[in-house]
PDB file of N, CA and C in Angstrom:
ATOM      1  N   MET A   1       0.839  -1.182   0.005  1.00  0.00           N
ATOM      2  CA  MET A   1       0.006   0.020   0.025  1.00  0.00           C
ATOM      3  C   MET A   1       0.898   1.233   0.014  1.00  0.00           C
ATOM      4  N   SER A   2       0.558   2.221  -0.836  1.00  0.00           N
ATOM      5  CA  SER A   2       1.360   3.409  -0.865  1.00  0.00           C
ATOM      6  C   SER A   2       0.555   4.566  -0.294  1.00  0.00           C
ATOM      7  N   TYR A   3       1.247   5.459   0.356  1.00  0.00           N
ATOM      8  CA  TYR A   3       0.638   6.632   0.966  1.00  0.00           C
ATOM      9  C   TYR A   3       1.190   7.865   0.324  1.00  0.00           C
ATOM     10  N   THR A   4       0.475   8.974   0.441  1.00  0.00           N
ATOM     11  CA  THR A   4       0.986  10.303   0.067  1.00  0.00           C
ATOM     12  C   THR A   4       1.740  10.815   1.274  1.00  0.00           C
ATOM     13  N   ALA A   5       2.563  11.869   1.041  1.00  0.00           N
ATOM     14  CA  ALA A   5       3.289  12.490   2.200  1.00  0.00           C
ATOM     15  C   ALA A   5       2.303  13.031   3.196  1.00  0.00           C
ATOM     16  N   THR A   6       1.234  13.595   2.728  1.00  0.00           N
ATOM     17  CA  THR A   6       0.218  14.158   3.588  1.00  0.00           C
ATOM     18  C   THR A   6      -0.424  13.080   4.490  1.00  0.00           C
ATOM     19  N   GLU A   7      -0.770  11.956   3.877  1.00  0.00           N
ATOM     20  CA  GLU A   7      -1.381  10.873   4.653  1.00  0.00           C
ATOM     21  C   GLU A   7      -0.375  10.348   5.738  1.00  0.00           C
ATOM     22  N   LEU A   8       0.858  10.136   5.368  1.00  0.00           N
ATOM     23  CA  LEU A   8       1.841   9.650   6.309  1.00  0.00           C
ATOM     24  C   LEU A   8       2.088  10.715   7.460  1.00  0.00           C
ATOM     25  N   PHE A   9       2.076  11.935   7.093  1.00  0.00           N
ATOM     26  CA  PHE A   9       2.265  13.014   8.025  1.00  0.00           C
ATOM     27  C   PHE A   9       1.137  13.000   9.063  1.00  0.00           C
ATOM     28  N   LEU A  10      -0.127  12.923   8.574  1.00  0.00           N
ATOM     29  CA  LEU A  10      -1.320  12.938   9.463  1.00  0.00           C
ATOM     30  C   LEU A  10      -1.320  11.710  10.355  1.00  0.00           C
ATOM     31  N   LEU A  11      -0.831  10.549   9.817  1.00  0.00           N
ATOM     32  CA  LEU A  11      -0.761   9.363  10.673  1.00  0.00           C
ATOM     33  C   LEU A  11       0.220   9.529  11.871  1.00  0.00           C
ATOM     34  N   ARG A  12       1.228  10.318  11.653  1.00  0.00           N
ATOM     35  CA  ARG A  12       2.257  10.544  12.658  1.00  0.00           C
ATOM     36  C   ARG A  12       1.997  11.622  13.659  1.00  0.00           C
ATOM     37  N   LEU A  13       1.021  12.471  13.394  1.00  0.00           N
ATOM     38  CA  LEU A  13       0.691  13.572  14.273  1.00  0.00           C
ATOM     39  C   LEU A  13       0.201  13.080  15.595  1.00  0.00           C
ATOM     40  N   PRO A  14       0.591  13.761  16.717  1.00  0.00           N
ATOM     41  CA  PRO A  14       0.063  13.377  18.012  1.00  0.00           C
ATOM     42  C   PRO A  14      -1.420  13.664  18.071  1.00  0.00           C
ATOM     43  N   GLU A  15      -2.136  12.849  18.846  1.00  0.00           N
ATOM     44  CA  GLU A  15      -3.608  13.086  19.010  1.00  0.00           C
ATOM     45  C   GLU A  15      -3.823  14.504  19.516  1.00  0.00           C
ATOM     46  N   GLY A  16      -4.825  15.093  19.036  1.00  0.00           N
ATOM     47  CA  GLY A  16      -5.241  16.480  19.475  1.00  0.00           C
ATOM     48  C   GLY A  16      -4.424  17.561  18.858  1.00  0.00           C
ATOM     49  N   ALA A  17      -3.562  17.221  17.884  1.00  0.00           N
ATOM     50  CA  ALA A  17      -2.773  18.324  17.246  1.00  0.00           C
ATOM     51  C   ALA A  17      -3.715  19.253  16.518  1.00  0.00           C
ATOM     52  N   ASP A  18      -3.519  20.544  16.694  1.00  0.00           N
ATOM     53  CA  ASP A  18      -4.439  21.580  16.187  1.00  0.00           C
ATOM     54  C   ASP A  18      -3.845  22.075  14.874  1.00  0.00           C
ATOM     55  N   LEU A  19      -4.175  21.421  13.794  1.00  0.00           N
ATOM     56  CA  LEU A  19      -3.720  21.795  12.463  1.00  0.00           C
ATOM     57  C   LEU A  19      -4.819  21.837  11.482  1.00  0.00           C
ATOM     58  N   ASP A  20      -4.944  22.931  10.776  1.00  0.00           N
ATOM     59  CA  ASP A  20      -5.952  22.981   9.715  1.00  0.00           C
ATOM     60  C   ASP A  20      -5.296  22.595   8.389  1.00  0.00           C
ATOM     61  N   GLU A  21      -6.129  22.453   7.381  1.00  0.00           N
ATOM     62  CA  GLU A  21      -5.650  22.044   6.047  1.00  0.00           C
ATOM     63  C   GLU A  21      -4.531  22.897   5.498  1.00  0.00           C
ATOM     64  N   ASN A  22      -4.639  24.224   5.722  1.00  0.00           N
ATOM     65  CA  ASN A  22      -3.614  25.159   5.219  1.00  0.00           C
ATOM     66  C   ASN A  22      -2.261  24.905   5.858  1.00  0.00           C
ATOM     67  N   LYS A  23      -2.255  24.739   7.199  1.00  0.00           N
ATOM     68  CA  LYS A  23      -1.023  24.469   7.892  1.00  0.00           C
ATOM     69  C   LYS A  23      -0.395  23.181   7.455  1.00  0.00           C
ATOM     70  N   VAL A  24      -1.219  22.153   7.336  1.00  0.00           N
ATOM     71  CA  VAL A  24      -0.657  20.863   6.877  1.00  0.00           C
ATOM     72  C   VAL A  24      -0.045  21.002   5.485  1.00  0.00           C
ATOM     73  N   GLY A  25      -0.765  21.686   4.596  1.00  0.00           N
ATOM     74  CA  GLY A  25      -0.213  21.935   3.252  1.00  0.00           C
ATOM     75  C   GLY A  25       1.080  22.694   3.245  1.00  0.00           C
ATOM     76  N   ALA A  26       1.161  23.675   4.133  1.00  0.00           N
ATOM     77  CA  ALA A  26       2.383  24.517   4.228  1.00  0.00           C
ATOM     78  C   ALA A  26       3.556  23.671   4.707  1.00  0.00           C
ATOM     79  N   LEU A  27       3.341  22.796   5.689  1.00  0.00           N
ATOM     80  CA  LEU A  27       4.405  21.933   6.170  1.00  0.00           C
ATOM     81  C   LEU A  27       4.854  20.908   5.154  1.00  0.00           C
ATOM     82  N   ILE A  28       3.910  20.351   4.479  1.00  0.00           N
ATOM     83  CA  ILE A  28       4.227  19.337   3.434  1.00  0.00           C
ATOM     84  C   ILE A  28       5.008  20.079   2.297  1.00  0.00           C
ATOM     85  N   LEU A  29       4.558  21.235   1.926  1.00  0.00           N
ATOM     86  CA  LEU A  29       5.236  21.984   0.869  1.00  0.00           C
ATOM     87  C   LEU A  29       6.721  22.383   1.309  1.00  0.00           C
ATOM     88  N   ARG A  30       6.827  22.872   2.520  1.00  0.00           N
ATOM     89  CA  ARG A  30       8.185  23.174   3.001  1.00  0.00           C
ATOM     90  C   ARG A  30       9.090  21.961   2.956  1.00  0.00           C
ATOM     91  N   ALA A  31       8.619  20.804   3.362  1.00  0.00           N
ATOM     92  CA  ALA A  31       9.416  19.587   3.374  1.00  0.00           C
ATOM     93  C   ALA A  31       9.759  19.200   1.918  1.00  0.00           C
ATOM     94  N   GLU A  32       8.812  19.325   1.044  1.00  0.00           N
ATOM     95  CA  GLU A  32       9.031  19.021  -0.408  1.00  0.00           C
ATOM     96  C   GLU A  32      10.100  19.944  -0.983  1.00  0.00           C
ATOM     97  N   ASN A  33       9.945  21.231  -0.691  1.00  0.00           N
ATOM     98  CA  ASN A  33      10.930  22.175  -1.236  1.00  0.00           C
ATOM     99  C   ASN A  33      12.346  21.937  -0.729  1.00  0.00           C
ATOM    100  N   THR A  34      12.443  21.521   0.547  1.00  0.00           N
ATOM    101  CA  THR A  34      13.793  21.200   1.122  1.00  0.00           C
ATOM    102  C   THR A  34      14.381  20.031   0.361  1.00  0.00           C
ATOM    103  N   ILE A  35      13.592  18.983   0.097  1.00  0.00           N
ATOM    104  CA  ILE A  35      14.083  17.796  -0.575  1.00  0.00           C
ATOM    105  C   ILE A  35      14.472  18.148  -2.033  1.00  0.00           C
ATOM    106  N   LEU A  36      13.676  18.949  -2.664  1.00  0.00           N
ATOM    107  CA  LEU A  36      13.944  19.331  -4.042  1.00  0.00           C
ATOM    108  C   LEU A  36      15.181  20.201  -4.121  1.00  0.00           C
ATOM    109  N   ASP A  37      15.377  21.094  -3.149  1.00  0.00           N
ATOM    110  CA  ASP A  37      16.592  21.940  -3.114  1.00  0.00           C
ATOM    111  C   ASP A  37      17.829  21.084  -2.941  1.00  0.00           C
ATOM    112  N   ILE A  38      17.786  20.070  -2.082  1.00  0.00           N
ATOM    113  CA  ILE A  38      18.930  19.225  -1.813  1.00  0.00           C
ATOM    114  C   ILE A  38      19.199  18.283  -2.989  1.00  0.00           C
ATOM    115  N   THR A  39      18.204  17.742  -3.679  1.00  0.00           N
ATOM    116  CA  THR A  39      18.438  16.780  -4.714  1.00  0.00           C
ATOM    117  C   THR A  39      18.492  17.451  -6.107  1.00  0.00           C
ATOM    118  N   GLY A  40      18.025  18.670  -6.208  1.00  0.00           N
ATOM    119  CA  GLY A  40      18.012  19.366  -7.537  1.00  0.00           C
ATOM    120  C   GLY A  40      16.992  18.748  -8.513  1.00  0.00           C
ATOM    121  N   ARG A  41      15.999  18.061  -8.007  1.00  0.00           N
ATOM    122  CA  ARG A  41      15.054  17.412  -8.822  1.00  0.00           C
ATOM    123  C   ARG A  41      13.764  18.283  -8.883  1.00  0.00           C
ATOM    124  N   SER A  42      12.879  17.937  -9.810  1.00  0.00           N
ATOM    125  CA  SER A  42      11.628  18.684  -9.939  1.00  0.00           C
ATOM    126  C   SER A  42      10.473  18.012  -9.274  1.00  0.00           C
ATOM    127  N   THR A  43      10.660  16.782  -8.854  1.00  0.00           N
ATOM    128  CA  THR A  43       9.606  16.059  -8.074  1.00  0.00           C
ATOM    129  C   THR A  43      10.309  15.213  -7.011  1.00  0.00           C
ATOM    130  N   VAL A  44       9.626  14.998  -5.927  1.00  0.00           N
ATOM    131  CA  VAL A  44      10.180  14.094  -4.855  1.00  0.00           C
ATOM    132  C   VAL A  44      10.079  12.631  -5.333  1.00  0.00           C
ATOM    133  N   PRO A  45      11.148  11.927  -5.341  1.00  0.00           N
ATOM    134  CA  PRO A  45      11.160  10.511  -5.721  1.00  0.00           C
ATOM    135  C   PRO A  45      10.257   9.731  -4.779  1.00  0.00           C
ATOM    136  N   GLU A  46       9.522   8.722  -5.315  1.00  0.00           N
ATOM    137  CA  GLU A  46       8.594   7.949  -4.518  1.00  0.00           C
ATOM    138  C   GLU A  46       9.232   7.344  -3.232  1.00  0.00           C
ATOM    139  N   GLN A  47      10.494   6.999  -3.339  1.00  0.00           N
ATOM    140  CA  GLN A  47      11.200   6.369  -2.232  1.00  0.00           C
ATOM    141  C   GLN A  47      11.442   7.402  -1.082  1.00  0.00           C
ATOM    142  N   LEU A  48      11.262   8.695  -1.372  1.00  0.00           N
ATOM    143  CA  LEU A  48      11.497   9.763  -0.372  1.00  0.00           C
ATOM    144  C   LEU A  48      10.191  10.346   0.218  1.00  0.00           C
ATOM    145  N   ILE A  49       9.046   9.773  -0.184  1.00  0.00           N
ATOM    146  CA  ILE A  49       7.757  10.328   0.336  1.00  0.00           C
ATOM    147  C   ILE A  49       7.749  10.235   1.866  1.00  0.00           C
ATOM    148  N   ASP A  50       8.249   9.124   2.409  1.00  0.00           N
ATOM    149  CA  ASP A  50       8.236   9.012   3.905  1.00  0.00           C
ATOM    150  C   ASP A  50       9.227  10.040   4.539  1.00  0.00           C
ATOM    151  N   VAL A  51      10.288  10.335   3.835  1.00  0.00           N
ATOM    152  CA  VAL A  51      11.258  11.334   4.321  1.00  0.00           C
ATOM    153  C   VAL A  51      10.560  12.689   4.320  1.00  0.00           C
ATOM    154  N   GLN A  52       9.798  12.975   3.278  1.00  0.00           N
ATOM    155  CA  GLN A  52       8.996  14.248   3.189  1.00  0.00           C
ATOM    156  C   GLN A  52       8.023  14.333   4.398  1.00  0.00           C
ATOM    157  N   ALA A  53       7.350  13.247   4.640  1.00  0.00           N
ATOM    158  CA  ALA A  53       6.390  13.290   5.778  1.00  0.00           C
ATOM    159  C   ALA A  53       7.082  13.458   7.110  1.00  0.00           C
ATOM    160  N   GLU A  54       8.237  12.803   7.274  1.00  0.00           N
ATOM    161  CA  GLU A  54       8.986  12.904   8.537  1.00  0.00           C
ATOM    162  C   GLU A  54       9.574  14.336   8.667  1.00  0.00           C
ATOM    163  N   LEU A  55      10.043  14.892   7.581  1.00  0.00           N
ATOM    164  CA  LEU A  55      10.575  16.260   7.618  1.00  0.00           C
ATOM    165  C   LEU A  55       9.459  17.269   7.965  1.00  0.00           C
ATOM    166  N   ALA A  56       8.296  17.031   7.362  1.00  0.00           N
ATOM    167  CA  ALA A  56       7.085  17.863   7.723  1.00  0.00           C
ATOM    168  C   ALA A  56       6.777  17.786   9.198  1.00  0.00           C
ATOM    169  N   LEU A  57       6.916  16.593   9.760  1.00  0.00           N
ATOM    170  CA  LEU A  57       6.683  16.422  11.213  1.00  0.00           C
ATOM    171  C   LEU A  57       7.723  17.182  12.048  1.00  0.00           C
ATOM    172  N   ILE A  58       8.938  17.108  11.580  1.00  0.00           N
ATOM    173  CA  ILE A  58       9.974  17.877  12.305  1.00  0.00           C
ATOM    174  C   ILE A  58       9.680  19.346  12.232  1.00  0.00           C
ATOM    175  N   TYR A  59       9.274  19.804  11.081  1.00  0.00           N
ATOM    176  CA  TYR A  59       8.931  21.241  10.965  1.00  0.00           C
ATOM    177  C   TYR A  59       7.737  21.647  11.883  1.00  0.00           C
ATOM    178  N   PHE A  60       6.773  20.672  11.992  1.00  0.00           N
ATOM    179  CA  PHE A  60       5.624  20.871  12.850  1.00  0.00           C
ATOM    180  C   PHE A  60       6.077  20.986  14.298  1.00  0.00           C
ATOM    181  N   ASN A  61       7.003  20.097  14.701  1.00  0.00           N
ATOM    182  CA  ASN A  61       7.522  20.115  16.099  1.00  0.00           C
ATOM    183  C   ASN A  61       8.363  21.322  16.385  1.00  0.00           C
ATOM    184  N   ARG A  62       8.954  21.920  15.358  1.00  0.00           N
ATOM    185  CA  ARG A  62       9.772  23.153  15.516  1.00  0.00           C
ATOM    186  C   ARG A  62       8.925  24.438  15.471  1.00  0.00           C
ATOM    187  N   TRP A  63       7.654  24.299  15.061  1.00  0.00           N
ATOM    188  CA  TRP A  63       6.758  25.450  14.892  1.00  0.00           C
ATOM    189  C   TRP A  63       6.812  26.309  16.150  1.00  0.00           C
ATOM    190  N   GLY A  64       7.143  27.550  16.056  1.00  0.00           N
ATOM    191  CA  GLY A  64       7.141  28.458  17.228  1.00  0.00           C
ATOM    192  C   GLY A  64       8.472  28.485  17.880  1.00  0.00           C
ATOM    193  N   THR A  65       9.443  27.663  17.452  1.00  0.00           N
ATOM    194  CA  THR A  65      10.787  27.673  18.094  1.00  0.00           C
ATOM    195  C   THR A  65      11.843  28.056  17.075  1.00  0.00           C
ATOM    196  N   GLU A  66      11.401  28.585  15.935  1.00  0.00           N
ATOM    197  CA  GLU A  66      12.382  28.977  14.880  1.00  0.00           C
ATOM    198  C   GLU A  66      13.474  29.862  15.446  1.00  0.00           C
ATOM    199  N   GLY A  67      14.691  29.483  15.125  1.00  0.00           N
ATOM    200  CA  GLY A  67      15.889  30.264  15.551  1.00  0.00           C
ATOM    201  C   GLY A  67      16.425  29.888  16.933  1.00  0.00           C
ATOM    202  N   GLU A  68      15.706  29.052  17.662  1.00  0.00           N
ATOM    203  CA  GLU A  68      16.161  28.694  18.992  1.00  0.00           C
ATOM    204  C   GLU A  68      17.086  27.448  18.903  1.00  0.00           C
ATOM    205  N   LYS A  69      18.078  27.403  19.765  1.00  0.00           N
ATOM    206  CA  LYS A  69      18.872  26.186  19.925  1.00  0.00           C
ATOM    207  C   LYS A  69      18.565  25.455  21.156  1.00  0.00           C
ATOM    208  N   LYS A  70      18.140  26.210  22.145  1.00  0.00           N
ATOM    209  CA  LYS A  70      17.864  25.613  23.464  1.00  0.00           C
ATOM    210  C   LYS A  70      16.772  26.455  24.159  1.00  0.00           C
ATOM    211  N   ARG A  71      15.876  25.759  24.875  1.00  0.00           N
ATOM    212  CA  ARG A  71      14.812  26.479  25.572  1.00  0.00           C
ATOM    213  C   ARG A  71      14.634  25.833  26.924  1.00  0.00           C
ATOM    214  N   SER A  72      14.562  26.671  27.985  1.00  0.00           N
ATOM    215  CA  SER A  72      14.325  26.165  29.325  1.00  0.00           C
ATOM    216  C   SER A  72      13.025  26.788  29.842  1.00  0.00           C
ATOM    217  N   GLU A  73      12.174  25.943  30.389  1.00  0.00           N
ATOM    218  CA  GLU A  73      10.966  26.373  31.070  1.00  0.00           C
ATOM    219  C   GLU A  73      10.877  25.645  32.382  1.00  0.00           C
ATOM    220  N   GLY A  74      11.207  26.344  33.492  1.00  0.00           N
ATOM    221  CA  GLY A  74      11.253  25.692  34.755  1.00  0.00           C
ATOM    222  C   GLY A  74      12.362  24.699  34.745  1.00  0.00           C
ATOM    223  N   GLU A  75      12.052  23.466  35.143  1.00  0.00           N
ATOM    224  CA  GLU A  75      13.060  22.376  35.150  1.00  0.00           C
ATOM    225  C   GLU A  75      13.153  21.626  33.880  1.00  0.00           C
ATOM    226  N   ILE A  76      12.386  21.988  32.849  1.00  0.00           N
ATOM    227  CA  ILE A  76      12.391  21.295  31.596  1.00  0.00           C
ATOM    228  C   ILE A  76      13.229  22.090  30.573  1.00  0.00           C
ATOM    229  N   THR A  77      14.220  21.378  29.981  1.00  0.00           N
ATOM    230  CA  THR A  77      15.081  22.002  28.984  1.00  0.00           C
ATOM    231  C   THR A  77      14.928  21.215  27.702  1.00  0.00           C
ATOM    232  N   SER A  78      14.768  21.899  26.621  1.00  0.00           N
ATOM    233  CA  SER A  78      14.671  21.304  25.280  1.00  0.00           C
ATOM    234  C   SER A  78      15.824  21.845  24.425  1.00  0.00           C
ATOM    235  N   GLU A  79      16.496  20.920  23.734  1.00  0.00           N
ATOM    236  CA  GLU A  79      17.514  21.314  22.770  1.00  0.00           C
ATOM    237  C   GLU A  79      17.096  20.950  21.405  1.00  0.00           C
ATOM    238  N   PHE A  80      17.378  21.797  20.431  1.00  0.00           N
ATOM    239  CA  PHE A  80      16.974  21.575  19.041  1.00  0.00           C
ATOM    240  C   PHE A  80      18.176  21.285  18.157  1.00  0.00           C
ATOM    241  N   ILE A  81      18.018  20.382  17.228  1.00  0.00           N
ATOM    242  CA  ILE A  81      19.153  20.042  16.298  1.00  0.00           C
ATOM    243  C   ILE A  81      19.135  21.072  15.162  1.00  0.00           C
ATOM    244  N   ASP A  82      20.305  21.319  14.648  1.00  0.00           N
ATOM    245  CA  ASP A  82      20.423  22.122  13.435  1.00  0.00           C
ATOM    246  C   ASP A  82      20.425  21.223  12.233  1.00  0.00           C
ATOM    247  N   GLY A  83      19.800  21.630  11.186  1.00  0.00           N
ATOM    248  CA  GLY A  83      19.811  20.879   9.958  1.00  0.00           C
ATOM    249  C   GLY A  83      18.991  19.641  10.017  1.00  0.00           C
ATOM    250  N   LEU A  84      19.297  18.716   9.133  1.00  0.00           N
ATOM    251  CA  LEU A  84      18.563  17.450   9.015  1.00  0.00           C
ATOM    252  C   LEU A  84      19.121  16.412  10.007  1.00  0.00           C
ATOM    253  N   PRO A  85      18.253  15.543  10.541  1.00  0.00           N
ATOM    254  CA  PRO A  85      18.787  14.383  11.324  1.00  0.00           C
ATOM    255  C   PRO A  85      19.678  13.541  10.496  1.00  0.00           C
ATOM    256  N   ALA A  86      20.628  12.866  11.112  1.00  0.00           N
ATOM    257  CA  ALA A  86      21.626  12.138  10.374  1.00  0.00           C
ATOM    258  C   ALA A  86      21.027  11.017   9.502  1.00  0.00           C
ATOM    259  N   ASP A  87      20.006  10.313   9.971  1.00  0.00           N
ATOM    260  CA  ASP A  87      19.402   9.224   9.180  1.00  0.00           C
ATOM    261  C   ASP A  87      18.731   9.763   7.906  1.00  0.00           C
ATOM    262  N   MET A  88      18.120  10.996   8.031  1.00  0.00           N
ATOM    263  CA  MET A  88      17.448  11.574   6.894  1.00  0.00           C
ATOM    264  C   MET A  88      18.543  12.044   5.870  1.00  0.00           C
ATOM    265  N   ALA A  89      19.619  12.646   6.348  1.00  0.00           N
ATOM    266  CA  ALA A  89      20.676  13.072   5.483  1.00  0.00           C
ATOM    267  C   ALA A  89      21.317  11.914   4.674  1.00  0.00           C
ATOM    268  N   LEU A  90      21.450  10.803   5.380  1.00  0.00           N
ATOM    269  CA  LEU A  90      21.991   9.597   4.715  1.00  0.00           C
ATOM    270  C   LEU A  90      21.045   9.133   3.577  1.00  0.00           C
ATOM    271  N   ARG A  91      19.744   9.133   3.834  1.00  0.00           N
ATOM    272  CA  ARG A  91      18.801   8.740   2.813  1.00  0.00           C
ATOM    273  C   ARG A  91      18.865   9.675   1.606  1.00  0.00           C
ATOM    274  N   LEU A  92      19.007  10.945   1.857  1.00  0.00           N
ATOM    275  CA  LEU A  92      19.042  11.917   0.743  1.00  0.00           C
ATOM    276  C   LEU A  92      20.317  11.849  -0.042  1.00  0.00           C
ATOM    277  N   LYS A  93      21.407  11.313   0.598  1.00  0.00           N
ATOM    278  CA  LYS A  93      22.685  11.184  -0.119  1.00  0.00           C
ATOM    279  C   LYS A  93      22.584  10.139  -1.222  1.00  0.00           C
ATOM    280  N   ASN A  94      21.539   9.242  -1.155  1.00  0.00           N
ATOM    281  CA  ASN A  94      21.343   8.307  -2.256  1.00  0.00           C
ATOM    282  C   ASN A  94      20.763   8.914  -3.474  1.00  0.00           C
ATOM    283  N   TYR A  95      20.439  10.186  -3.407  1.00  0.00           N
ATOM    284  CA  TYR A  95      19.839  10.923  -4.518  1.00  0.00           C
ATOM    285  C   TYR A  95      20.735  12.200  -4.724  1.00  0.00           C
ATOM    286  N   PRO A  96      21.896  11.977  -5.325  1.00  0.00           N
ATOM    287  CA  PRO A  96      22.800  13.105  -5.489  1.00  0.00           C
ATOM    288  C   PRO A  96      22.176  14.177  -6.378  1.00  0.00           C
ATOM    289  N   ARG A  97      22.622  15.382  -6.124  1.00  0.00           N
ATOM    290  CA  ARG A  97      22.054  16.564  -6.790  1.00  0.00           C
ATOM    291  C   ARG A  97      22.188  16.376  -8.317  1.00  0.00           C
ATOM    292  N   LYS A  98      21.066  16.559  -9.001  1.00  0.00           N
ATOM    293  CA  LYS A  98      21.107  16.554 -10.473  1.00  0.00           C
ATOM    294  C   LYS A  98      21.561  17.869 -10.955  1.00  0.00           C
ATOM    295  N   VAL A  99      22.577  17.846 -11.891  1.00  0.00           N
ATOM    296  CA  VAL A  99      23.052  19.087 -12.442  1.00  0.00           C
ATOM    297  C   VAL A  99      22.987  18.945 -13.965  1.00  0.00           C
ATOM    298  N   GLY A 100      22.684  20.114 -14.570  1.00  0.00           N
ATOM    299  CA  GLY A 100      22.664  20.114 -16.020  1.00  0.00           C
ATOM    300  C   GLY A 100      24.038  20.442 -16.584  1.00  0.00           C
ATOM    301  N   VAL A 101      24.242  20.088 -17.829  1.00  0.00           N
ATOM    302  CA  VAL A 101      25.498  20.403 -18.503  1.00  0.00           C
ATOM    303  C   VAL A 101      25.379  21.741 -19.192  1.00  0.00           C
ATOM    304  N   ILE A 102      26.199  22.664 -18.912  1.00  0.00           N
ATOM    305  CA  ILE A 102      26.168  23.977 -19.532  1.00  0.00           C
ATOM    306  C   ILE A 102      27.166  24.008 -20.712  1.00  0.00           C
ATOM    307  N   HIS A 103      26.682  24.334 -21.889  1.00  0.00           N
ATOM    308  CA  HIS A 103      27.536  24.387 -23.046  1.00  0.00           C
ATOM    309  C   HIS A 103      27.807  25.867 -23.407  1.00  0.00           C
ATOM    310  N   ALA A 104      29.044  26.206 -23.664  1.00  0.00           N
ATOM    311  CA  ALA A 104      29.341  27.556 -24.128  1.00  0.00           C
ATOM    312  C   ALA A 104      28.853  27.756 -25.508  1.00  0.00           C
ATOM    313  N   ALA A 105      28.482  28.946 -25.827  1.00  0.00           N
ATOM    314  CA  ALA A 105      27.991  29.279 -27.161  1.00  0.00           C
ATOM    315  C   ALA A 105      29.043  28.893 -28.226  1.00  0.00           C
ATOM    316  N   GLY A 106      28.620  28.238 -29.283  1.00  0.00           N
ATOM    317  CA  GLY A 106      29.532  27.917 -30.335  1.00  0.00           C
ATOM    318  C   GLY A 106      30.259  26.610 -30.207  1.00  0.00           C
ATOM    319  N   THR A 107      30.002  25.853 -29.103  1.00  0.00           N
ATOM    320  CA  THR A 107      30.660  24.565 -28.950  1.00  0.00           C
ATOM    321  C   THR A 107      29.707  23.497 -29.495  1.00  0.00           C
ATOM    322  N   GLU A 108      30.313  22.447 -29.976  1.00  0.00           N
ATOM    323  CA  GLU A 108      29.564  21.336 -30.541  1.00  0.00           C
ATOM    324  C   GLU A 108      29.057  20.450 -29.337  1.00  0.00           C
ATOM    325  N   GLN A 109      27.852  19.919 -29.547  1.00  0.00           N
ATOM    326  CA  GLN A 109      27.269  19.021 -28.625  1.00  0.00           C
ATOM    327  C   GLN A 109      27.113  17.604 -29.208  1.00  0.00           C
ATOM    328  N   ALA A 110      27.528  16.603 -28.522  1.00  0.00           N
ATOM    329  CA  ALA A 110      27.468  15.215 -29.054  1.00  0.00           C
ATOM    330  C   ALA A 110      26.054  14.699 -29.045  1.00  0.00           C
TER     331      ALA A 110
END
């Protein structure tokens, strides 16, 4: 059975999460754009749909803490990671950035 990134994201949300359709769409789009920026592709490969959902969940969990590295509230301290989690970065390395070949004017192309 295959799922969309949105379906996987909604399955992973904690119960009672207060998200409307626009916020869900924004998180999924942000995750998609991150993957496309890293891979240089125009669409997210099917094998990375779960990565897109997981990244959207990370963005959801970071909502309201943008720019913070550490937060303390009473005896509770939260630390935030910079960048992508290591396991996600490893998965994305399997999809090296696609680059086009630039030809100078007047050169022959094979």
